[in-house]
Amino acid sequence: MTNKIKVVVVDDSALVRSLLTEIINKQPDMVCVGAASDPLMAREIIRERDPDVITLDVEMPKMDGLEFLSRLMRLRPTPVVMVSTLTEQGAETTLRALELGAVDFVAKPRIGVASGLQQLADDIVEKIRIAARARVRRLSAAPAPTGASGPAVRGITGHTASSPPAAPAPATAPSAMRLSTEKVICIGASTGGTEAIKEILMEFPPDAPAVVITQHMPPGFTASFAARLDSLCRIRVAEARDGERILPGHAYIAPGGKQFSIARSGANYVAVVDDSPPVNRHKPSVEVLFRSCARVLGPNAIGVMLTGMGADGAKAMKEMRDAGAYNIAQDEASCVVFGMPKMAIQAGAVHEVLPLKQIARAIMERVAAAGVRHRI
């Protein structure tokens, strides 16, 4: 048992607690060491059993899951996988949980819970395994909900908090960006990627090069993710739509459940969104996007591989490098899961490995330098 992943299940449904416990205990490498119907009971179990991973519902008596998650990540940071119907019904709730430090999420079925959870068993245990290896960081303070308007927003504990701070100053002067409008920034990410992508995009000036992004995310969540980023960033952010032009000052996010790539139409780059099969078990897949970037963009691409589990995109990123792209990987210390960047580095696809906080500036400096060379 000492070598097994210790899991605590927190859910107000006795049926869900029983099913999750059964799913977990069937795995040779994990064990459910406790189950709680509310956060107050969970607090005692967590203190006594010291779990490696917690599965957490959102809507519970005595204290909702988001408030509990916020307190947990401030006082006792522990990998958390959200398992809740609200993560499907309200994508904003999911994004808030990820912002507070949850590693990943699974959406419970709204009907047919017993059969639905059994069908999701492989996904649940895989995410628990990933979470057990994830790096979680202490939440210094409960961040104000993002994307709110008005002079103040209501925090998760009910106290009034200041509005979200203004986005940081652009990493380089906007005039430098105009020197190289052909560049396209190509980003791939998975576990932990939503917050990493946010941190990078918030630093880009309004006239930054176009950005194309594949973040592993199921249908129903990417529209809210894009809208959230659009409310925070100087550039415009939206889900990619088939056939639309890829323009500077805009970021395009692969829709959940679709494949996203880019193509050339005359002098323009355009988005291609289709229902082609999963690649590396993913849909959307970083491999699909990066392969198209290698083919279409060549040296006009800047590739960025962020936190995530697995090897999706590593081979295609090497194709990008061979085609003349300049590629950056997030370093291990700043990743939630150092899987995808590690595999890209091992594939020989990466020119530079950087902490997350340095990536946006490095991209802008690269773009500015390319623009100066083009001008000369």
Protein backbone atom coordinates (compact mmCIF):
# COMPACT_ATOMS: atom_id res chain seq x y z
CA MET A 1 0.00 0.00 0.00
CA THR A 2 2.90 2.33 0.70
CA ASN A 3 3.75 2.25 -3.01
CA LYS A 4 0.20 2.92 -4.13
CA ILE A 5 -1.31 6.32 -4.93
CA LYS A 6 -3.45 7.24 -1.93
CA VAL A 7 -6.72 8.89 -2.96
CA VAL A 8 -9.44 10.62 -0.95
CA VAL A 9 -12.85 10.98 -2.59
CA VAL A 10 -14.99 14.01 -1.69
CA ASP A 11 -18.56 13.99 -3.02
CA ASP A 12 -21.97 14.53 -1.45
CA SER A 13 -23.49 11.58 -3.37
CA ALA A 14 -23.15 8.24 -1.60
CA LEU A 15 -23.51 6.49 -4.97
CA VAL A 16 -20.69 8.48 -6.54
CA ARG A 17 -18.44 7.94 -3.52
CA SER A 18 -19.07 4.20 -3.73
CA LEU A 19 -18.47 4.04 -7.49
CA LEU A 20 -15.28 6.13 -7.39
CA THR A 21 -13.95 4.09 -4.48
CA GLU A 22 -14.60 0.89 -6.44
CA ILE A 23 -12.97 2.25 -9.61
CA ILE A 24 -9.89 3.38 -7.67
CA ASN A 25 -9.50 0.20 -5.64
CA LYS A 26 -9.61 -1.96 -8.78
CA GLN A 27 -6.34 -0.37 -9.92
CA PRO A 28 -3.13 -2.15 -8.89
CA ASP A 29 -1.32 1.14 -8.31
CA MET A 30 -3.84 3.13 -6.24
CA VAL A 31 -6.10 2.84 -3.24
CA CYS A 32 -8.94 4.93 -1.83
CA VAL A 33 -7.93 5.72 1.75
CA GLY A 34 -11.07 7.68 2.62
CA ALA A 35 -14.32 9.14 1.33
CA ALA A 36 -16.15 12.21 2.62
CA SER A 37 -19.59 13.65 1.96
CA ASP A 38 -18.59 17.26 2.65
CA PRO A 39 -15.43 19.36 2.96
CA LEU A 40 -15.53 19.48 6.77
CA MET A 41 -15.40 15.69 6.97
CA ALA A 42 -12.80 15.68 4.20
CA ARG A 43 -10.56 18.01 6.19
CA GLU A 44 -10.20 15.47 8.99
CA ILE A 45 -9.63 12.54 6.62
CA ILE A 46 -6.99 14.47 4.68
CA ARG A 47 -5.21 15.36 7.91
CA GLU A 48 -5.20 11.73 9.07
CA ARG A 49 -4.53 9.90 5.78
CA ASP A 50 -2.23 12.38 3.96
CA PRO A 51 -3.47 11.51 0.43
CA ASP A 52 -1.47 11.89 -2.76
CA VAL A 53 -4.55 12.95 -4.75
CA ILE A 54 -8.04 14.21 -3.92
CA THR A 55 -11.09 13.90 -6.18
CA LEU A 56 -13.45 16.77 -5.46
CA ASP A 57 -17.05 17.63 -6.28
CA VAL A 58 -18.14 21.26 -6.60
CA GLU A 59 -21.67 21.44 -5.25
CA MET A 60 -21.67 20.14 -1.66
CA PRO A 61 -23.23 21.02 1.71
CA LYS A 62 -21.52 23.18 4.36
CA MET A 63 -18.86 24.48 1.95
CA ASP A 64 -18.77 24.42 -1.86
CA GLY A 65 -15.90 22.67 -3.61
CA LEU A 66 -14.30 25.84 -4.96
CA GLU A 67 -14.04 27.43 -1.54
CA PHE A 68 -12.62 24.20 -0.13
CA LEU A 69 -10.14 23.98 -3.02
CA SER A 70 -9.02 27.54 -2.41
CA ARG A 71 -8.41 26.89 1.27
CA LEU A 72 -6.69 23.56 0.55
CA MET A 73 -4.25 25.10 -1.95
CA ARG A 74 -3.39 27.89 0.47
CA LEU A 75 -2.90 25.69 3.53
CA ARG A 76 -2.04 22.18 2.32
CA PRO A 77 -1.36 22.08 -1.45
CA THR A 78 -2.44 18.68 -2.78
CA PRO A 79 -3.12 17.48 -6.35
CA VAL A 80 -6.87 17.69 -7.02
CA VAL A 81 -8.97 16.24 -9.85
CA MET A 82 -12.42 17.85 -10.06
CA VAL A 83 -15.19 15.31 -10.64
CA SER A 84 -18.51 17.11 -10.95
CA THR A 85 -21.54 17.58 -13.17
CA LEU A 86 -20.98 21.31 -12.77
CA THR A 87 -17.73 21.02 -14.67
CA GLU A 88 -19.83 20.07 -17.70
CA GLN A 89 -22.77 22.41 -17.13
CA GLY A 90 -20.67 25.41 -16.21
CA ALA A 91 -17.29 25.60 -17.90
CA GLU A 92 -16.57 28.79 -15.97
CA THR A 93 -16.63 26.71 -12.78
CA THR A 94 -14.06 24.36 -14.27
CA LEU A 95 -11.79 27.19 -15.33
CA ARG A 96 -12.08 28.73 -11.89
CA ALA A 97 -11.06 25.40 -10.32
CA LEU A 98 -8.02 25.17 -12.62
CA GLU A 99 -7.13 28.75 -11.74
CA LEU A 100 -7.26 27.88 -8.05
CA GLY A 101 -4.86 24.98 -8.58
CA ALA A 102 -6.84 21.88 -9.58
CA VAL A 103 -4.70 19.69 -11.83
CA ASP A 104 -7.51 18.43 -14.09
CA PHE A 105 -11.21 17.63 -14.24
CA VAL A 106 -13.67 14.92 -15.22
CA ALA A 107 -17.31 15.70 -16.03
CA LYS A 108 -19.77 13.32 -14.35
CA PRO A 109 -22.72 12.29 -16.51
CA ARG A 110 -25.92 14.15 -15.64
CA ILE A 111 -28.03 11.01 -16.07
CA GLY A 112 -27.11 7.36 -15.75
CA VAL A 113 -24.41 8.15 -13.20
CA ALA A 114 -23.53 4.53 -12.43
CA SER A 115 -23.02 3.41 -16.04
CA GLY A 116 -21.55 6.77 -17.01
CA LEU A 117 -18.85 6.72 -14.35
CA GLN A 118 -17.92 3.16 -15.26
CA GLN A 119 -17.47 4.28 -18.87
CA LEU A 120 -15.26 7.11 -17.63
CA ALA A 121 -13.21 4.82 -15.37
CA ASP A 122 -10.12 4.75 -17.60
CA ASP A 123 -10.16 8.54 -17.93
CA ILE A 124 -10.61 9.03 -14.19
CA VAL A 125 -7.74 6.76 -13.13
CA GLU A 126 -5.44 8.15 -15.83
CA LYS A 127 -6.01 11.67 -14.54
CA ILE A 128 -5.42 10.53 -10.97
CA ARG A 129 -2.08 9.02 -12.05
CA ILE A 130 -1.11 12.24 -13.81
CA ALA A 131 -2.18 14.31 -10.80
CA ALA A 132 -0.06 12.16 -8.48
CA ARG A 133 3.03 13.23 -10.45
CA ALA A 134 1.98 16.86 -10.86
CA ARG A 135 3.67 19.82 -9.22
CA VAL A 136 1.18 21.85 -7.23
CA ARG A 137 2.00 25.23 -5.81
CA ARG A 138 0.75 27.00 -2.74
CA LEU A 139 -1.94 29.55 -3.48
CA SER A 140 -0.70 32.75 -1.84
CA ALA A 141 -4.18 34.30 -1.86
CA ALA A 142 -7.51 33.49 -3.43
CA PRO A 143 -7.35 35.27 -6.81
CA ALA A 144 -10.36 37.34 -7.77
CA PRO A 145 -12.56 35.69 -10.40
CA THR A 146 -11.24 36.69 -13.80
CA GLY A 147 -13.19 38.32 -16.57
CA ALA A 148 -15.42 40.28 -14.18
CA SER A 149 -16.47 43.83 -14.89
CA GLY A 150 -17.10 46.75 -12.58
CA PRO A 151 -15.03 48.25 -9.78
CA ALA A 152 -15.11 45.16 -7.57
CA VAL A 153 -15.86 41.45 -7.77
CA ARG A 154 -17.13 39.02 -5.18
CA GLY A 155 -14.52 36.52 -3.97
CA ILE A 156 -15.31 32.86 -3.35
CA THR A 157 -15.48 33.44 0.40
CA GLY A 158 -18.07 36.19 -0.05
CA HIS A 159 -15.72 39.10 0.67
CA THR A 160 -15.41 41.95 -1.78
CA ALA A 161 -12.10 41.95 -3.60
CA SER A 162 -10.46 44.36 -5.96
CA SER A 163 -10.95 43.96 -9.68
CA PRO A 164 -8.37 41.81 -11.47
CA PRO A 165 -5.15 43.75 -11.96
CA ALA A 166 -4.40 45.21 -15.34
CA ALA A 167 -2.44 42.98 -17.69
CA PRO A 168 1.33 43.51 -17.54
CA ALA A 169 3.09 45.84 -19.90
CA PRO A 170 3.92 44.45 -23.35
CA ALA A 171 7.14 42.49 -23.42
CA THR A 172 8.50 44.68 -26.23
CA ALA A 173 7.48 47.91 -27.90
CA PRO A 174 4.45 47.45 -30.17
CA SER A 175 6.28 49.11 -33.06
CA ALA A 176 8.69 46.20 -33.14
CA MET A 177 5.83 43.82 -33.83
CA ARG A 178 4.85 45.59 -37.04
CA LEU A 179 8.20 44.71 -38.55
CA SER A 180 7.32 41.03 -38.89
CA THR A 181 3.66 40.31 -39.60
CA GLU A 182 4.31 36.93 -41.27
CA LYS A 183 5.31 35.23 -38.03
CA VAL A 184 2.81 32.91 -36.33
CA ILE A 185 3.18 31.70 -32.73
CA CYS A 186 2.16 28.04 -32.40
CA ILE A 187 1.38 26.75 -28.89
CA GLY A 188 0.66 23.22 -27.65
CA ALA A 189 -0.35 22.31 -24.09
CA SER A 190 -2.22 19.80 -21.95
CA THR A 191 -2.38 19.33 -18.16
CA GLY A 192 -1.75 22.69 -16.49
CA GLY A 193 -1.88 24.46 -19.81
CA THR A 194 -4.89 26.71 -19.29
CA GLU A 195 -3.10 28.89 -16.76
CA ALA A 196 0.22 28.72 -18.64
CA ILE A 197 -1.45 29.90 -21.85
CA LYS A 198 -3.18 32.70 -19.96
CA GLU A 199 0.11 33.90 -18.49
CA ILE A 200 1.77 34.06 -21.91
CA LEU A 201 -1.10 35.66 -23.84
CA MET A 202 -1.65 38.36 -21.23
CA GLU A 203 1.84 39.71 -21.97
CA PHE A 204 1.34 40.07 -25.71
CA PRO A 205 0.73 43.57 -27.14
CA PRO A 206 -2.34 44.24 -29.32
CA ASP A 207 -0.38 43.93 -32.57
CA ALA A 208 1.48 40.73 -31.68
CA PRO A 209 1.75 38.08 -34.39
CA ALA A 210 -1.11 35.65 -34.81
CA VAL A 211 -1.26 32.81 -32.27
CA VAL A 212 -2.63 29.31 -32.92
CA ILE A 213 -3.22 27.07 -29.90
CA THR A 214 -4.10 23.46 -29.21
CA GLN A 215 -4.93 22.82 -25.56
CA HIS A 216 -6.20 19.33 -24.77
CA MET A 217 -9.79 20.04 -23.71
CA PRO A 218 -13.13 18.29 -24.34
CA PRO A 219 -16.12 19.79 -26.19
CA GLY A 220 -18.05 22.44 -24.32
CA PHE A 221 -15.10 24.07 -22.56
CA THR A 222 -12.95 25.77 -25.18
CA ALA A 223 -15.52 28.48 -25.98
CA SER A 224 -15.58 29.59 -22.33
CA PHE A 225 -11.79 29.30 -22.14
CA ALA A 226 -11.41 31.55 -25.19
CA ALA A 227 -13.94 34.07 -23.87
CA ARG A 228 -12.14 34.20 -20.53
CA LEU A 229 -8.81 34.88 -22.23
CA ASP A 230 -10.40 37.46 -24.54
CA SER A 231 -11.58 39.41 -21.49
CA LEU A 232 -8.06 39.47 -20.03
CA CYS A 233 -5.73 39.95 -23.00
CA ARG A 234 -4.79 42.81 -25.30
CA ILE A 235 -5.06 40.51 -28.30
CA ARG A 236 -8.42 39.06 -29.38
CA VAL A 237 -8.96 35.42 -28.45
CA ALA A 238 -11.60 33.06 -29.87
CA GLU A 239 -12.25 29.47 -30.84
CA ALA A 240 -10.91 28.77 -34.32
CA ARG A 241 -13.55 28.60 -37.08
CA ASP A 242 -13.05 26.67 -40.27
CA GLY A 243 -11.97 28.87 -43.17
CA GLU A 244 -11.31 32.09 -41.23
CA ARG A 245 -8.14 34.08 -41.83
CA ILE A 246 -5.34 33.86 -39.29
CA LEU A 247 -4.61 37.49 -38.45
CA PRO A 248 -2.04 39.35 -36.31
CA GLY A 249 -3.37 40.52 -32.97
CA HIS A 250 -5.58 37.42 -32.67
CA ALA A 251 -5.28 34.04 -30.96
CA TYR A 252 -7.19 30.99 -32.22
CA ILE A 253 -7.93 28.05 -29.90
CA ALA A 254 -8.66 24.56 -31.21
CA PRO A 255 -12.31 23.70 -30.45
CA GLY A 256 -12.74 20.76 -28.09
CA GLY A 257 -13.57 17.56 -29.95
CA LYS A 258 -12.26 18.87 -33.30
CA GLN A 259 -8.92 18.86 -35.08
CA PHE A 260 -7.33 22.24 -35.82
CA SER A 261 -4.66 22.95 -38.40
CA ILE A 262 -3.68 25.81 -40.67
CA ALA A 263 -3.43 26.11 -44.44
CA ARG A 264 -2.48 28.75 -46.97
CA SER A 265 -5.02 30.43 -49.22
CA GLY A 266 -3.22 32.71 -51.62
CA ALA A 267 -1.23 35.15 -49.50
CA ASN A 268 -3.22 34.35 -46.36
CA TYR A 269 -3.10 31.75 -43.61
CA VAL A 270 -6.49 30.21 -42.81
CA ALA A 271 -7.84 27.93 -40.09
CA VAL A 272 -8.89 24.37 -40.89
CA VAL A 273 -11.28 22.85 -38.32
CA ASP A 274 -12.58 19.37 -39.06
CA ASP A 275 -13.85 16.14 -37.54
CA SER A 276 -10.90 13.94 -38.49
CA PRO A 277 -9.95 11.09 -36.11
CA PRO A 278 -7.96 11.48 -32.87
CA VAL A 279 -4.17 11.55 -33.17
CA ASN A 280 -2.11 10.29 -30.23
CA ARG A 281 -5.53 9.65 -28.64
CA HIS A 282 -6.23 13.39 -28.67
CA LYS A 283 -8.83 15.52 -30.43
CA PRO A 284 -7.69 18.23 -30.71
CA SER A 285 -4.11 17.06 -31.10
CA VAL A 286 -0.97 19.19 -30.91
CA GLU A 287 0.58 16.86 -33.50
CA VAL A 288 -2.06 17.85 -36.07
CA LEU A 289 -1.56 21.59 -35.53
CA PHE A 290 2.25 21.49 -35.41
CA ARG A 291 2.51 19.28 -38.48
CA SER A 292 0.51 21.83 -40.46
CA CYS A 293 2.67 24.63 -39.05
CA ALA A 294 5.80 22.84 -40.28
CA ARG A 295 4.29 22.40 -43.73
CA VAL A 296 2.66 25.81 -44.15
CA LEU A 297 4.70 28.24 -42.05
CA GLY A 298 8.24 26.90 -42.22
CA PRO A 299 10.63 29.55 -40.82
CA ASN A 300 7.72 31.90 -40.07
CA ALA A 301 6.65 29.70 -37.15
CA ILE A 302 7.64 30.06 -33.51
CA GLY A 303 6.74 26.84 -31.70
CA VAL A 304 6.01 26.69 -27.96
CA MET A 305 5.48 23.46 -26.02
CA LEU A 306 3.94 23.96 -22.60
CA THR A 307 3.12 21.75 -19.62
CA GLY A 308 1.32 18.49 -20.29
CA MET A 309 1.44 14.71 -20.02
CA GLY A 310 2.57 12.48 -22.87
CA ALA A 311 4.32 13.04 -26.18
CA ASP A 312 1.62 14.65 -28.33
CA GLY A 313 3.26 17.11 -30.71
CA ALA A 314 6.90 16.17 -30.10
CA LYS A 315 7.52 14.59 -33.52
CA ALA A 316 5.69 17.37 -35.34
CA MET A 317 7.66 20.00 -33.41
CA LYS A 318 10.83 18.39 -34.72
CA GLU A 319 9.34 18.72 -38.22
CA MET A 320 8.79 22.41 -37.45
CA ARG A 321 12.44 22.82 -36.45
CA ASP A 322 13.60 21.00 -39.58
CA ALA A 323 11.43 23.37 -41.63
CA GLY A 324 13.13 26.42 -40.07
CA ALA A 325 10.89 27.24 -37.09
CA TYR A 326 12.34 28.47 -33.80
CA ASN A 327 11.03 26.37 -30.89
CA ILE A 328 10.77 26.96 -27.14
CA ALA A 329 9.84 24.48 -24.39
CA GLN A 330 8.69 25.26 -20.86
CA ASP A 331 11.20 24.14 -18.25
CA GLU A 332 10.56 21.36 -15.75
CA ALA A 333 10.47 23.56 -12.65
CA SER A 334 7.56 25.68 -13.91
CA CYS A 335 5.53 22.83 -15.47
CA VAL A 336 2.61 21.17 -13.70
CA VAL A 337 3.57 18.03 -15.67
CA PHE A 338 6.89 17.91 -17.52
CA GLY A 339 5.83 15.37 -20.13
CA MET A 340 5.20 17.06 -23.47
CA PRO A 341 8.10 19.54 -23.15
CA LYS A 342 10.44 16.73 -22.07
CA MET A 343 9.51 14.59 -25.07
CA ALA A 344 9.96 17.53 -27.44
CA ILE A 345 13.39 18.21 -25.97
CA GLN A 346 14.36 14.54 -26.29
CA ALA A 347 13.18 14.57 -29.92
CA GLY A 348 15.68 17.33 -30.69
CA ALA A 349 12.85 19.74 -31.51
CA VAL A 350 13.70 22.56 -29.12
CA HIS A 351 16.12 25.48 -29.40
CA GLU A 352 15.51 26.99 -25.97
CA VAL A 353 14.13 25.77 -22.62
CA LEU A 354 12.72 28.56 -20.44
CA PRO A 355 10.70 29.14 -17.26
CA LEU A 356 7.09 30.04 -18.02
CA LYS A 357 7.52 33.65 -16.93
CA GLN A 358 10.27 34.21 -19.52
CA ILE A 359 8.56 32.67 -22.55
CA ALA A 360 6.43 35.63 -23.68
CA ARG A 361 9.37 38.02 -23.64
CA ALA A 362 11.57 35.53 -25.49
CA ILE A 363 8.91 35.18 -28.20
CA MET A 364 8.54 38.94 -28.62
CA GLU A 365 12.28 39.44 -28.75
CA ARG A 366 12.54 36.74 -31.41
CA VAL A 367 9.79 38.35 -33.46
CA ALA A 368 11.36 41.80 -33.13
CA ALA A 369 14.77 40.47 -34.19
CA ALA A 370 13.24 38.76 -37.21
CA GLY A 371 11.48 41.97 -38.12
CA VAL A 372 14.71 43.95 -37.95
CA ARG A 373 16.46 41.43 -40.21
CA HIS A 374 13.58 41.63 -42.66
CA ARG A 375 13.71 45.44 -42.63
CA ILE A 376 17.43 45.46 -43.32
